[in-house]
Amino acid sequence: MTKREIPMPQLPRVAINDEPKLSASLLGVEVNKKYLATKTSVTTGKSLFVIVQSPQSNIDDEFLIKLKSDLKTNLTEVKQISIKILNTDSLTITLKQIKTVNVDLCIQKLHELLLDKTTEIQMYNPDVIKNNVINSLKMGVCNYGFGADQMMVYQLAQSALMVSKSSEWLSYYCYSYNHTQTQLFALTPNDISDYIEKKRYILLFQPVFSLFNGDILQHEALLRVRHKTLGLLNAAQLLPAIKSEQQMLQLDQEIIEQVVKVIKTESSMHQISINIHQVNWLKRSFFNWLIELFEQTKMHKNIILEIAEADLLNIDNQLQQVLFLLKEYEVTLILDKVEGAIIDLGLEHDLFIKYNIKSLKLDYNLVHNINRNIEKQQKIKQITRFAKLYFLPVFAVGVEQKVELDMLKKLGVTGAQGHYFAEPLQELTAFSKV
């Protein structure tokens, strides 16, 4: 086949950093250098600074007063608590001088309390229930001691929040304050290019297991970069340092090339799914390169591309040409992060035939704590019934507990992946080591 040129529109630029500017009051303390130099009695114990986001929650003064009262009642190991509202769906919490040595337990208790408060909001607001707010609660946490730089504490919490929001497995993420963490913020675009070009990374492969016979149905490729002092960093931790579309292109191309090498050397890795960055779905150069690679390697049936439900529905017209081309080359697609919009909008099955979509992956927010949420159980049952009509298997991601797994099986889910089964399999044969 001859190489095809695909006329593709440019992706509109969207502002992704709309966070409020730092003020010292967000950390529950007014900066006073003289005070910090003389107030030595507060040097003992750890502190936590937490940024909380819960979309569509009604975070107002009344919510703040009730939350602070509940925190004081339940977090008796914390000597001082401060809460600041950032906007209607986010706030900061500072827990100072935590007596317990188990800071992780304190974070877990805080998260559970916030989930309970979110549940209370759901009880009084039917509109919020529909949006599954309880499962969209995300926290970024910084664990720090006396004398920590306040700006760095805030930045670490912001970075942790980004990791949590970018992950399908995490409701919250915590960074401990130490000098090596500053290197996360010292990463430059040139550093990222250097990591990629010198292959200072590995891929992890997370299997999707059949819920009926335990067979591995396919794998999902997950990127980890080898930082010289911080160890393995996931893709979400690198995204803030990737500034250019060219680097996004370079990163996705590198991942696909290495997946091809793994498939060639490991017969068990017969099908591997890859998440492509949204920017590259609208890049002509990327798909020209991809089709050429498939023509050379004949791997078009081994590599599965994942596209988010929201992206497919929102930019369907812009994607039609490339999706038709992928179907022509028999490339299989997975509809990822499915929350049920395909049902709510009354879409017909010809969408899946038209774009060669062969399976659905449920959004993590639907899967997490499925065993105790009737609304989510009903939604997943709708999705699995819909999918069954068109012979589409439904996969769950982020499964962490057996009770979740048992409920998903009852609801008709075909396969699942997550830490309940195993850590992602680490494959090093095709990669350079440093």
Protein backbone atom coordinates (compact mmCIF):
# COMPACT_ATOMS: atom_id res chain seq x y z
CA MET A 1 0.00 0.00 0.00
CA THR A 2 1.15 3.49 -0.66
CA LYS A 3 1.80 5.91 2.15
CA ARG A 4 -1.21 8.10 2.88
CA GLU A 5 -1.25 11.75 3.80
CA ILE A 6 -4.04 12.55 6.24
CA PRO A 7 -5.29 16.14 6.36
CA MET A 8 -5.97 16.70 10.03
CA PRO A 9 -7.12 19.81 11.92
CA GLN A 10 -4.99 21.39 14.59
CA LEU A 11 -5.89 20.73 18.21
CA PRO A 12 -7.13 23.90 19.91
CA ARG A 13 -4.90 25.01 22.73
CA VAL A 14 -6.45 24.69 26.15
CA ALA A 15 -5.17 26.26 29.34
CA ILE A 16 -4.40 23.44 31.78
CA ASN A 17 -2.97 25.43 34.65
CA ASP A 18 -5.79 27.39 36.19
CA GLU A 19 -4.75 27.03 39.80
CA PRO A 20 -4.96 29.95 42.23
CA LYS A 21 -1.75 31.75 43.03
CA LEU A 22 -0.04 30.76 46.25
CA SER A 23 -0.63 32.76 49.37
CA ALA A 24 0.87 31.77 52.67
CA SER A 25 -2.60 31.55 54.20
CA LEU A 26 -3.36 28.51 52.06
CA LEU A 27 -0.94 26.59 54.24
CA GLY A 28 -2.70 27.70 57.39
CA VAL A 29 0.08 30.04 58.55
CA GLU A 30 1.02 33.63 57.96
CA VAL A 31 4.69 33.84 57.06
CA ASN A 32 6.66 35.64 59.76
CA LYS A 33 10.40 35.02 59.67
CA LYS A 34 10.95 36.34 63.17
CA TYR A 35 8.23 34.02 64.45
CA LEU A 36 9.71 31.01 62.66
CA ALA A 37 13.14 31.77 64.09
CA THR A 38 11.98 32.02 67.71
CA LYS A 39 9.04 29.64 67.99
CA THR A 40 11.09 26.51 68.69
CA SER A 41 8.33 24.71 70.58
CA VAL A 42 6.69 23.64 67.33
CA THR A 43 9.67 21.76 65.94
CA THR A 44 8.35 18.33 66.91
CA GLY A 45 5.94 16.20 64.90
CA LYS A 46 5.10 15.98 61.23
CA SER A 47 2.63 18.14 59.35
CA LEU A 48 0.46 17.51 56.29
CA PHE A 49 -0.61 20.01 53.67
CA VAL A 50 -3.45 18.72 51.51
CA ILE A 51 -5.10 20.10 48.37
CA VAL A 52 -8.54 18.56 47.84
CA GLN A 53 -10.61 18.65 44.65
CA SER A 54 -14.14 17.28 44.40
CA PRO A 55 -15.83 18.45 41.19
CA GLN A 56 -19.46 19.57 41.53
CA SER A 57 -19.35 19.43 45.32
CA ASN A 58 -20.76 22.43 47.09
CA ILE A 59 -17.78 23.55 49.16
CA ASP A 60 -19.00 26.61 51.02
CA ASP A 61 -18.58 28.13 54.50
CA GLU A 62 -21.19 25.81 56.01
CA PHE A 63 -19.41 22.77 54.58
CA LEU A 64 -16.09 24.10 55.93
CA ILE A 65 -17.44 24.56 59.49
CA LYS A 66 -18.90 21.05 59.61
CA LEU A 67 -15.77 19.51 58.12
CA LYS A 68 -13.46 21.21 60.60
CA SER A 69 -15.62 20.03 63.50
CA ASP A 70 -15.54 16.45 62.21
CA LEU A 71 -11.77 16.56 61.69
CA LYS A 72 -11.16 17.75 65.24
CA THR A 73 -13.41 15.00 66.58
CA ASN A 74 -11.91 12.17 64.58
CA LEU A 75 -8.26 13.22 64.15
CA THR A 76 -7.35 13.45 67.82
CA GLU A 77 -3.69 12.83 66.99
CA VAL A 78 -3.51 16.21 65.24
CA LYS A 79 -2.79 19.25 67.40
CA GLN A 80 -3.74 22.00 64.93
CA ILE A 81 -6.10 21.99 61.94
CA SER A 82 -6.56 24.73 59.36
CA ILE A 83 -8.90 24.72 56.32
CA LYS A 84 -9.06 27.23 53.47
CA ILE A 85 -11.56 27.28 50.60
CA LEU A 86 -9.99 27.80 47.17
CA ASN A 87 -13.23 27.69 45.15
CA THR A 88 -16.55 25.87 45.09
CA ASP A 89 -14.97 22.48 44.42
CA SER A 90 -11.54 22.64 46.06
CA LEU A 91 -9.94 23.48 49.39
CA THR A 92 -6.71 23.10 51.34
CA ILE A 93 -6.28 21.41 54.70
CA THR A 94 -3.26 21.76 56.97
CA LEU A 95 -2.75 19.25 59.78
CA LYS A 96 0.09 20.36 62.05
CA GLN A 97 2.07 18.51 64.72
CA ILE A 98 0.69 15.03 64.15
CA LYS A 99 1.44 12.99 67.25
CA THR A 100 1.23 9.56 65.66
CA VAL A 101 4.28 8.18 63.89
CA ASN A 102 1.98 6.64 61.27
CA VAL A 103 1.37 9.61 59.02
CA ASP A 104 0.00 7.34 56.29
CA LEU A 105 -2.80 6.25 58.62
CA CYS A 106 -3.66 9.88 59.28
CA ILE A 107 -3.89 10.55 55.52
CA GLN A 108 -6.14 7.52 55.11
CA LYS A 109 -8.45 8.67 57.92
CA LEU A 110 -8.62 12.15 56.38
CA HIS A 111 -9.56 10.69 53.01
CA GLU A 112 -12.30 8.55 54.56
CA LEU A 113 -13.74 11.56 56.40
CA LEU A 114 -13.81 13.59 53.20
CA LEU A 115 -15.57 10.73 51.42
CA ASP A 116 -18.19 10.67 54.18
CA LYS A 117 -18.75 14.42 53.85
CA THR A 118 -19.10 14.07 50.09
CA THR A 119 -21.67 11.33 50.63
CA GLU A 120 -23.69 13.73 52.78
CA ILE A 121 -23.71 16.21 49.89
CA GLN A 122 -25.01 13.48 47.60
CA MET A 123 -27.92 12.74 49.92
CA TYR A 124 -29.26 16.26 49.56
CA ASN A 125 -28.42 16.95 45.92
CA PRO A 126 -29.71 14.47 43.30
CA ASP A 127 -27.79 16.22 40.53
CA VAL A 128 -24.52 15.53 42.31
CA ILE A 129 -25.36 11.83 42.63
CA LYS A 130 -25.56 11.49 38.88
CA ASN A 131 -22.02 12.73 38.52
CA ASN A 132 -20.52 10.20 40.97
CA VAL A 133 -18.77 12.93 42.93
CA ILE A 134 -17.77 10.58 45.71
CA ASN A 135 -15.44 8.79 43.33
CA SER A 136 -14.00 11.91 41.72
CA LEU A 137 -12.56 13.11 45.04
CA LYS A 138 -8.81 13.63 44.56
CA MET A 139 -6.17 14.68 47.07
CA GLY A 140 -2.60 15.89 46.72
CA VAL A 141 -0.62 15.64 49.97
CA CYS A 142 2.76 16.90 51.15
CA ASN A 143 4.25 15.42 54.32
CA TYR A 144 6.69 17.93 55.81
CA GLY A 145 8.49 18.93 59.00
CA PHE A 146 9.39 22.18 60.75
CA GLY A 147 11.33 24.68 58.65
CA ALA A 148 10.12 23.41 55.28
CA ASP A 149 9.97 25.97 52.49
CA GLN A 150 6.28 26.91 52.19
CA MET A 151 6.38 27.44 48.44
CA MET A 152 7.96 24.02 47.94
CA VAL A 153 5.35 22.38 50.20
CA TYR A 154 2.60 23.91 48.06
CA GLN A 155 4.29 22.84 44.83
CA LEU A 156 4.74 19.28 46.08
CA ALA A 157 1.07 19.06 47.04
CA GLN A 158 0.11 20.41 43.60
CA SER A 159 2.34 17.84 41.93
CA ALA A 160 0.86 15.05 44.09
CA LEU A 161 -2.65 16.21 43.15
CA MET A 162 -1.71 16.03 39.47
CA VAL A 163 -0.48 12.46 39.93
CA SER A 164 -3.74 11.53 41.67
CA LYS A 165 -5.91 13.19 39.02
CA SER A 166 -3.95 11.58 36.19
CA SER A 167 -4.12 8.10 37.71
CA GLU A 168 -6.95 5.64 37.43
CA TRP A 169 -5.74 3.81 40.52
CA LEU A 170 -5.20 6.56 43.08
CA SER A 171 -7.67 8.61 45.09
CA TYR A 172 -4.78 10.45 46.72
CA TYR A 173 -1.02 10.73 46.42
CA CYS A 174 1.60 11.97 48.88
CA TYR A 175 5.07 13.42 48.48
CA SER A 176 7.37 13.67 51.48
CA TYR A 177 9.29 16.93 51.69
CA ASN A 178 13.00 16.42 51.11
CA HIS A 179 15.71 17.99 49.03
CA THR A 180 15.57 15.45 46.23
CA GLN A 181 11.96 16.35 45.45
CA THR A 182 13.13 19.70 44.10
CA GLN A 183 14.51 17.78 41.15
CA LEU A 184 10.97 17.01 40.03
CA PHE A 185 10.49 20.71 39.46
CA ALA A 186 13.94 21.16 37.97
CA LEU A 187 13.12 18.87 35.04
CA THR A 188 13.30 20.73 31.75
CA PRO A 189 12.02 19.80 28.29
CA ASN A 190 15.61 18.99 27.34
CA ASP A 191 15.80 16.56 30.26
CA ILE A 192 12.69 14.77 29.03
CA SER A 193 14.10 14.46 25.52
CA ASP A 194 17.35 13.14 26.99
CA TYR A 195 15.51 10.49 29.02
CA ILE A 196 13.65 9.32 25.93
CA GLU A 197 16.60 9.36 23.52
CA LYS A 198 18.88 7.51 25.96
CA LYS A 199 16.11 5.03 26.82
CA ARG A 200 16.19 5.76 30.52
CA TYR A 201 12.81 4.16 31.00
CA ILE A 202 11.04 0.84 31.14
CA LEU A 203 7.56 -0.30 30.26
CA LEU A 204 5.31 -2.17 32.66
CA PHE A 205 2.60 -4.42 31.26
CA GLN A 206 -0.59 -4.76 33.28
CA PRO A 207 -2.61 -7.83 32.32
CA VAL A 208 -6.37 -7.86 31.78
CA PHE A 209 -7.74 -11.11 33.24
CA SER A 210 -10.92 -12.90 32.20
CA LEU A 211 -13.40 -13.05 35.09
CA PHE A 212 -14.68 -16.39 33.82
CA ASN A 213 -11.61 -18.56 33.31
CA GLY A 214 -8.67 -16.46 34.53
CA ASP A 215 -6.97 -16.24 31.14
CA ILE A 216 -4.97 -13.13 30.25
CA LEU A 217 -6.94 -11.39 27.51
CA GLN A 218 -4.41 -8.64 26.74
CA HIS A 219 -1.94 -6.25 28.41
CA GLU A 220 -1.79 -2.48 28.84
CA ALA A 221 1.57 -0.70 28.46
CA LEU A 222 2.50 1.68 31.31
CA LEU A 223 5.53 3.98 31.14
CA ARG A 224 8.09 4.43 33.94
CA VAL A 225 11.11 6.75 33.57
CA ARG A 226 14.36 6.09 35.44
CA HIS A 227 15.20 9.27 37.37
CA LYS A 228 18.80 9.21 38.57
CA THR A 229 17.89 9.97 42.21
CA LEU A 230 14.12 9.58 42.57
CA GLY A 231 13.85 6.15 40.99
CA LEU A 232 11.00 5.22 38.67
CA LEU A 233 8.60 8.05 37.83
CA ASN A 234 5.26 7.45 36.16
CA ALA A 235 4.03 9.36 33.13
CA ALA A 236 1.79 11.64 35.21
CA GLN A 237 4.82 12.93 37.11
CA LEU A 238 6.53 13.87 33.84
CA LEU A 239 3.64 15.63 32.12
CA PRO A 240 4.26 19.02 33.80
CA ALA A 241 7.76 19.06 32.30
CA ILE A 242 6.60 18.23 28.76
CA LYS A 243 5.87 21.58 27.18
CA SER A 244 5.86 20.94 23.45
CA GLU A 245 3.65 18.93 21.12
CA GLN A 246 6.82 17.64 19.46
CA GLN A 247 7.84 15.96 22.71
CA MET A 248 4.40 14.40 23.08
CA LEU A 249 4.84 13.02 19.57
CA GLN A 250 8.33 11.75 20.36
CA LEU A 251 7.18 10.06 23.57
CA ASP A 252 4.25 8.19 21.99
CA GLN A 253 6.37 7.10 19.04
CA GLU A 254 9.08 5.78 21.35
CA ILE A 255 6.57 3.79 23.43
CA ILE A 256 5.00 2.19 20.36
CA GLU A 257 8.39 1.25 18.90
CA GLN A 258 9.39 -0.46 22.14
CA VAL A 259 6.05 -2.28 22.38
CA VAL A 260 6.68 -3.62 18.87
CA LYS A 261 10.08 -4.96 20.03
CA VAL A 262 8.50 -6.65 23.05
CA ILE A 263 5.84 -8.35 20.92
CA LYS A 264 8.55 -9.66 18.58
CA THR A 265 10.61 -11.15 21.44
CA GLU A 266 7.84 -12.25 23.83
CA SER A 267 5.25 -14.57 22.32
CA SER A 268 2.98 -14.23 25.38
CA MET A 269 2.55 -10.51 24.67
CA HIS A 270 0.28 -11.09 21.69
CA GLN A 271 -1.93 -8.02 22.19
CA ILE A 272 -0.92 -4.82 23.99
CA SER A 273 -3.04 -1.70 24.37
CA ILE A 274 -1.52 1.77 24.38
CA ASN A 275 -2.96 5.10 25.45
CA ILE A 276 -2.10 7.82 22.94
CA HIS A 277 -1.91 11.40 24.17
CA GLN A 278 -4.90 13.49 23.09
CA VAL A 279 -2.64 15.89 21.19
CA ASN A 280 -1.42 13.09 18.94
CA TRP A 281 -4.89 11.84 18.04
CA LEU A 282 -5.19 15.01 15.96
CA LYS A 283 -1.69 14.98 14.51
CA ARG A 284 -1.32 14.06 10.86
CA SER A 285 2.40 13.36 11.23
CA PHE A 286 1.80 10.83 14.00
CA PHE A 287 -0.62 8.66 12.04
CA ASN A 288 1.43 8.89 8.84
CA TRP A 289 4.32 7.51 10.89
CA LEU A 290 2.14 4.87 12.60
CA ILE A 291 0.71 3.46 9.36
CA GLU A 292 4.19 3.28 7.86
CA LEU A 293 5.37 1.36 10.94
CA PHE A 294 2.47 -1.09 10.62
CA GLU A 295 3.29 -1.66 6.95
CA GLN A 296 6.88 -2.49 7.87
CA THR A 297 6.26 -4.65 10.96
CA LYS A 298 2.81 -6.18 10.27
CA MET A 299 1.90 -5.43 13.90
CA HIS A 300 -1.44 -3.80 13.14
CA LYS A 301 -3.35 -6.66 14.80
CA ASN A 302 -1.12 -6.81 17.89
CA ILE A 303 -1.27 -3.18 18.99
CA ILE A 304 -4.58 -1.89 20.33
CA LEU A 305 -5.15 1.84 20.64
CA GLU A 306 -7.21 3.23 23.54
CA ILE A 307 -9.34 6.32 23.07
CA ALA A 308 -11.37 7.96 25.84
CA GLU A 309 -15.14 7.97 25.54
CA ALA A 310 -15.25 11.75 26.03
CA ASP A 311 -12.62 12.36 23.34
CA LEU A 312 -14.40 10.20 20.79
CA LEU A 313 -17.74 11.89 21.40
CA ASN A 314 -16.38 15.44 21.60
CA ILE A 315 -14.09 15.40 18.55
CA ASP A 316 -15.76 12.66 16.51
CA ASN A 317 -15.90 14.77 13.32
CA GLN A 318 -12.22 15.69 13.54
CA LEU A 319 -11.20 12.06 14.09
CA GLN A 320 -13.24 10.41 11.34
CA GLN A 321 -10.53 10.33 8.69
CA VAL A 322 -7.89 8.78 10.92
CA LEU A 323 -10.35 6.31 12.49
CA PHE A 324 -11.44 5.12 9.06
CA LEU A 325 -7.80 4.71 8.08
CA LEU A 326 -7.07 2.66 11.21
CA LYS A 327 -10.04 0.44 10.43
CA GLU A 328 -8.75 -0.06 6.89
CA TYR A 329 -5.50 -1.38 8.41
CA GLU A 330 -7.51 -3.58 10.83
CA VAL A 331 -6.29 -1.73 13.93
CA THR A 332 -8.49 -2.49 16.93
CA LEU A 333 -9.67 0.26 19.28
CA ILE A 334 -10.75 0.20 22.93
CA LEU A 335 -13.22 2.81 24.13
CA ASP A 336 -11.56 3.86 27.39
CA LYS A 337 -12.82 5.71 30.49
CA VAL A 338 -16.42 4.75 29.76
CA GLU A 339 -18.93 6.39 32.11
CA GLY A 340 -22.10 5.74 30.09
CA ALA A 341 -22.32 8.73 27.76
CA ILE A 342 -22.65 6.34 24.82
CA ILE A 343 -25.93 5.17 26.36
CA ASP A 344 -27.14 8.56 27.60
CA LEU A 345 -26.74 10.02 24.11
CA GLY A 346 -28.59 7.12 22.50
CA LEU A 347 -25.75 6.14 20.17
CA GLU A 348 -26.34 3.22 17.85
CA HIS A 349 -24.11 0.19 17.50
CA ASP A 350 -22.92 1.27 14.04
CA LEU A 351 -20.50 3.64 15.81
CA PHE A 352 -18.50 0.62 17.03
CA ILE A 353 -18.60 -1.08 13.65
CA LYS A 354 -17.68 2.14 11.86
CA TYR A 355 -14.58 2.71 14.01
CA ASN A 356 -13.64 -0.95 14.71
CA ILE A 357 -14.14 -0.58 18.47
CA LYS A 358 -13.94 -4.10 19.91
CA SER A 359 -14.20 -3.56 23.69
CA LEU A 360 -15.05 -1.06 26.42
CA LYS A 361 -13.07 -0.10 29.52
CA LEU A 362 -15.03 1.31 32.45
CA ASP A 363 -13.83 4.52 34.04
CA TYR A 364 -12.06 4.00 37.36
CA ASN A 365 -14.62 6.22 39.10
CA LEU A 366 -17.34 3.70 38.24
CA VAL A 367 -15.31 0.73 39.47
CA HIS A 368 -13.93 2.07 42.75
CA ASN A 369 -16.09 0.97 45.71
CA ILE A 370 -18.69 -0.47 43.32
CA ASN A 371 -19.81 -2.90 46.03
CA ARG A 372 -21.29 -0.10 48.16
CA ASN A 373 -22.78 2.24 45.55
CA ILE A 374 -26.18 1.34 44.08
CA GLU A 375 -26.08 4.16 41.52
CA LYS A 376 -22.84 2.90 40.03
CA GLN A 377 -24.03 -0.70 40.01
CA GLN A 378 -27.07 0.35 37.98
CA LYS A 379 -24.92 2.33 35.54
CA ILE A 380 -22.48 -0.54 34.97
CA LYS A 381 -25.37 -2.94 34.48
CA GLN A 382 -26.74 -0.59 31.80
CA ILE A 383 -23.34 -0.48 30.09
CA THR A 384 -22.82 -4.26 30.15
CA ARG A 385 -26.33 -4.90 28.80
CA PHE A 386 -25.76 -2.39 26.04
CA ALA A 387 -22.37 -3.91 25.20
CA LYS A 388 -23.76 -7.46 25.19
CA LEU A 389 -26.22 -6.51 22.45
CA TYR A 390 -23.27 -5.76 20.17
CA PHE A 391 -20.96 -8.55 21.42
CA LEU A 392 -18.53 -6.09 23.05
CA PRO A 393 -16.63 -7.26 26.15
CA VAL A 394 -16.48 -4.81 29.06
CA PHE A 395 -13.30 -4.49 31.13
CA ALA A 396 -12.87 -2.91 34.56
CA VAL A 397 -9.71 -1.06 35.63
CA GLY A 398 -8.26 -0.35 39.04
CA VAL A 399 -9.76 -3.36 40.82
CA GLU A 400 -8.35 -3.39 44.34
CA GLN A 401 -10.64 -5.62 46.42
CA LYS A 402 -12.32 -9.01 46.06
CA VAL A 403 -15.72 -7.50 46.94
CA GLU A 404 -15.34 -5.17 43.96
CA LEU A 405 -14.38 -8.08 41.72
CA ASP A 406 -17.34 -10.20 42.84
CA MET A 407 -19.80 -7.36 42.20
CA LEU A 408 -18.33 -6.61 38.77
CA LYS A 409 -18.71 -10.25 37.77
CA LYS A 410 -22.38 -10.23 38.85
CA LEU A 411 -22.93 -7.11 36.75
CA GLY A 412 -21.66 -8.81 33.59
CA VAL A 413 -18.12 -7.39 33.33
CA THR A 414 -15.93 -9.66 31.17
CA GLY A 415 -12.39 -8.85 32.33
CA ALA A 416 -10.50 -6.76 34.85
CA GLN A 417 -7.09 -5.35 35.64
CA GLY A 418 -5.62 -3.77 38.75
CA HIS A 419 -3.53 -4.32 41.84
CA TYR A 420 -5.92 -6.93 43.24
CA PHE A 421 -4.48 -9.39 40.74
CA ALA A 422 -0.82 -8.40 40.67
CA GLU A 423 1.62 -5.59 40.21
CA PRO A 424 2.17 -4.80 36.50
CA LEU A 425 4.60 -7.20 34.87
CA GLN A 426 7.99 -5.62 34.26
CA GLU A 427 9.51 -6.32 30.86
CA LEU A 428 13.15 -5.33 30.36
CA THR A 429 14.33 -7.37 27.39
CA ALA A 430 13.82 -4.63 24.84
CA PHE A 431 15.13 -1.71 26.88
CA SER A 432 18.44 -0.15 27.78
CA LYS A 433 19.49 -0.14 31.42
CA VAL A 434 21.25 2.74 33.17
